[in-house]
N, C-alpha and C. Protein backbone atom coordinates (compact mmCIF):
# COMPACT_ATOMS: atom_id res chain seq x y z
N UNK A 1 -65.84 -23.75 19.26
CA UNK A 1 -65.10 -24.36 20.49
C UNK A 1 -66.15 -24.90 21.42
N UNK A 2 -67.26 -24.86 21.48
CA UNK A 2 -68.17 -25.43 22.25
C UNK A 2 -68.54 -27.12 21.02
N UNK A 3 -69.05 -26.74 20.15
CA UNK A 3 -69.05 -28.14 19.29
C UNK A 3 -67.80 -29.00 19.31
N UNK A 4 -66.46 -28.49 19.32
CA UNK A 4 -65.35 -29.51 19.28
C UNK A 4 -65.53 -30.10 20.57
N UNK A 5 -65.74 -29.76 21.77
CA UNK A 5 -65.84 -30.13 23.26
C UNK A 5 -66.98 -31.11 23.23
N UNK A 6 -67.91 -30.63 22.59
CA UNK A 6 -69.21 -31.44 22.63
C UNK A 6 -68.75 -32.72 21.83
N UNK A 7 -68.11 -32.90 20.92
CA UNK A 7 -67.90 -34.09 19.84
C UNK A 7 -66.84 -34.79 20.70
N UNK A 8 -65.81 -34.04 21.68
CA UNK A 8 -64.91 -34.82 22.44
C UNK A 8 -65.67 -35.63 23.22
N UNK A 9 -66.77 -34.95 24.12
CA UNK A 9 -67.25 -35.84 25.30
C UNK A 9 -68.42 -37.03 24.55
N UNK A 10 -68.88 -36.47 23.81
CA UNK A 10 -70.05 -37.61 23.32
C UNK A 10 -69.72 -38.70 22.16
N UNK A 11 -68.90 -38.15 21.31
CA UNK A 11 -68.62 -38.95 20.00
C UNK A 11 -69.54 -39.18 19.27
N UNK A 12 -70.59 -38.40 19.12
CA UNK A 12 -71.45 -38.49 18.15
C UNK A 12 -71.55 -37.27 16.72
N UNK A 13 -71.44 -37.97 15.84
CA UNK A 13 -71.70 -36.84 14.67
C UNK A 13 -72.79 -36.07 14.11
N UNK A 14 -72.75 -35.08 13.62
CA UNK A 14 -74.01 -34.55 13.00
C UNK A 14 -74.67 -35.47 12.04
N UNK A 15 -74.12 -36.40 11.56
CA UNK A 15 -74.80 -37.20 10.53
C UNK A 15 -75.57 -38.14 11.31
N UNK A 16 -75.42 -38.61 12.36
CA UNK A 16 -76.36 -39.76 13.34
C UNK A 16 -77.46 -38.75 13.30
N UNK A 17 -77.16 -37.52 14.21
CA UNK A 17 -78.46 -36.43 14.64
C UNK A 17 -79.08 -36.11 13.02
N UNK A 18 -78.48 -35.71 12.15
CA UNK A 18 -79.68 -35.19 10.88
C UNK A 18 -80.34 -36.81 10.31
N UNK A 19 -79.78 -37.96 10.41
CA UNK A 19 -80.44 -39.08 10.18
C UNK A 19 -81.68 -39.18 11.02
N UNK A 20 -81.62 -39.10 12.50
CA UNK A 20 -82.46 -39.22 13.46
C UNK A 20 -83.77 -38.24 13.19
N UNK A 21 -83.05 -36.86 12.88
CA UNK A 21 -84.21 -36.21 12.67
C UNK A 21 -85.04 -36.24 11.42
N UNK A 22 -84.57 -37.17 10.10
CA UNK A 22 -84.93 -37.04 8.83
C UNK A 22 -85.99 -38.32 9.40
N UNK A 23 -85.56 -39.47 10.07
CA UNK A 23 -86.35 -40.26 10.32
C UNK A 23 -87.68 -39.74 11.14
N UNK A 24 -87.44 -38.97 12.07
CA UNK A 24 -88.79 -38.40 12.99
C UNK A 24 -89.77 -37.85 11.96
N UNK A 25 -88.98 -36.92 11.24
CA UNK A 25 -90.18 -36.10 9.83
C UNK A 25 -90.43 -36.87 9.12
N UNK A 26 -89.95 -37.93 8.55
CA UNK A 26 -90.56 -38.68 7.55
C UNK A 26 -91.95 -39.73 8.32
N UNK A 27 -91.41 -40.23 9.74
CA UNK A 27 -92.43 -40.76 10.07
C UNK A 27 -93.78 -39.88 10.62
N UNK A 28 -93.43 -38.66 11.04
CA UNK A 28 -94.75 -37.42 11.46
C UNK A 28 -95.51 -37.41 10.08
N UNK A 29 -94.89 -37.28 8.87
CA UNK A 29 -95.43 -37.11 7.38
C UNK A 29 -96.26 -38.33 7.29
N UNK A 30 -95.67 -39.52 7.37
CA UNK A 30 -96.53 -40.74 6.98
C UNK A 30 -97.59 -40.78 7.98
N UNK A 31 -97.21 -40.65 9.42
CA UNK A 31 -98.13 -40.86 10.42
C UNK A 31 -99.31 -39.77 10.55
N UNK A 32 -99.70 -38.94 9.63
CA UNK A 32 -100.79 -38.30 9.92
C UNK A 32 -101.80 -38.76 10.55
N UNK A 33 -102.39 -38.61 11.52
CA UNK A 33 -103.49 -38.99 12.26
C UNK A 33 -103.40 -39.92 13.22
N UNK A 34 -102.11 -40.05 13.57
CA UNK A 34 -102.04 -40.99 15.23
C UNK A 34 -102.92 -40.86 15.89
N UNK A 35 -103.27 -41.59 16.69
CA UNK A 35 -104.41 -41.13 17.72
C UNK A 35 -103.86 -40.18 18.80
N UNK A 36 -102.71 -40.52 19.47
CA UNK A 36 -102.09 -39.35 20.26
C UNK A 36 -100.80 -39.60 20.57
N UNK A 37 -100.07 -38.44 20.78
CA UNK A 37 -98.50 -38.14 21.07
C UNK A 37 -97.87 -39.43 21.66
N UNK A 38 -98.47 -40.04 22.49
CA UNK A 38 -97.71 -40.90 22.91
C UNK A 38 -97.58 -42.20 21.93
N UNK A 39 -98.33 -42.64 21.12
CA UNK A 39 -98.53 -43.43 20.04
C UNK A 39 -97.31 -43.21 19.01
N UNK A 40 -97.01 -41.90 18.78
CA UNK A 40 -96.22 -41.21 17.92
C UNK A 40 -95.05 -41.47 18.63
N UNK A 41 -94.61 -41.09 19.88
CA UNK A 41 -93.30 -41.28 20.37
C UNK A 41 -92.78 -42.82 20.66
N UNK A 42 -93.79 -43.67 20.98
CA UNK A 42 -93.76 -44.93 20.63
C UNK A 42 -93.08 -45.56 19.29
N UNK A 43 -93.94 -44.95 18.46
CA UNK A 43 -93.55 -45.49 16.87
C UNK A 43 -91.88 -44.89 16.69
N UNK A 44 -91.42 -43.66 17.12
CA UNK A 44 -90.48 -43.32 16.59
C UNK A 44 -89.37 -43.81 17.72
N UNK A 45 -89.56 -44.31 18.94
CA UNK A 45 -88.50 -44.98 19.77
C UNK A 45 -88.54 -46.48 18.98
N UNK A 46 -89.72 -47.06 18.60
CA UNK A 46 -89.45 -48.47 17.66
C UNK A 46 -88.56 -48.29 16.29
N UNK A 47 -88.87 -47.17 15.75
CA UNK A 47 -88.20 -46.95 14.35
C UNK A 47 -86.73 -46.66 14.47
N UNK A 48 -86.22 -45.96 15.77
CA UNK A 48 -84.94 -45.67 16.01
C UNK A 48 -84.14 -46.94 16.51
N UNK A 49 -84.71 -47.82 17.15
CA UNK A 49 -84.21 -48.95 17.64
C UNK A 49 -83.98 -49.86 16.45
N UNK A 50 -84.59 -49.81 15.39
CA UNK A 50 -84.68 -50.75 14.34
C UNK A 50 -83.34 -50.72 13.59
N UNK A 51 -82.90 -49.43 13.66
CA UNK A 51 -81.53 -49.34 12.81
C UNK A 51 -80.51 -48.95 13.69
N UNK A 52 -80.28 -49.32 15.16
CA UNK A 52 -79.36 -49.06 15.71
C UNK A 52 -77.82 -49.96 15.54
N UNK A 53 -76.75 -49.49 15.75
CA UNK A 53 -75.54 -50.49 15.23
C UNK A 53 -75.75 -51.59 16.09
N UNK A 54 -75.17 -52.76 15.37
CA UNK A 54 -74.87 -53.87 16.35
C UNK A 54 -76.44 -54.79 16.34
N UNK A 55 -77.41 -54.45 15.67
CA UNK A 55 -78.49 -55.23 15.62
C UNK A 55 -79.11 -54.98 14.16
N UNK A 56 -79.64 -56.27 13.93
CA UNK A 56 -79.85 -56.35 12.45
C UNK A 56 -81.55 -55.86 12.34
N UNK A 57 -81.54 -55.54 11.00
CA UNK A 57 -82.99 -54.60 10.63
C UNK A 57 -83.90 -55.41 10.88
N UNK A 58 -85.18 -55.06 11.21
CA UNK A 58 -86.40 -55.68 11.56
C UNK A 58 -87.26 -55.44 10.30
N UNK A 59 -87.52 -56.36 9.52
CA UNK A 59 -88.44 -56.11 8.16
C UNK A 59 -89.94 -56.53 8.68
N UNK A 60 -90.74 -55.66 8.46
CA UNK A 60 -92.27 -55.89 9.12
C UNK A 60 -93.04 -55.44 7.90
């Protein structure tokens, strides 16, 4: 019941959450040796913005 209420309130599917978790997991593997946690969080934020709906993908 809690999951149904949460979906009705927030309109986010588990697919988006799983995709975000996979992106973070792959960034963590690829970025072994980042200088500090703040840099890792900045990279995570940058990657999540790159694929948000309504924006074109940024190719770097």
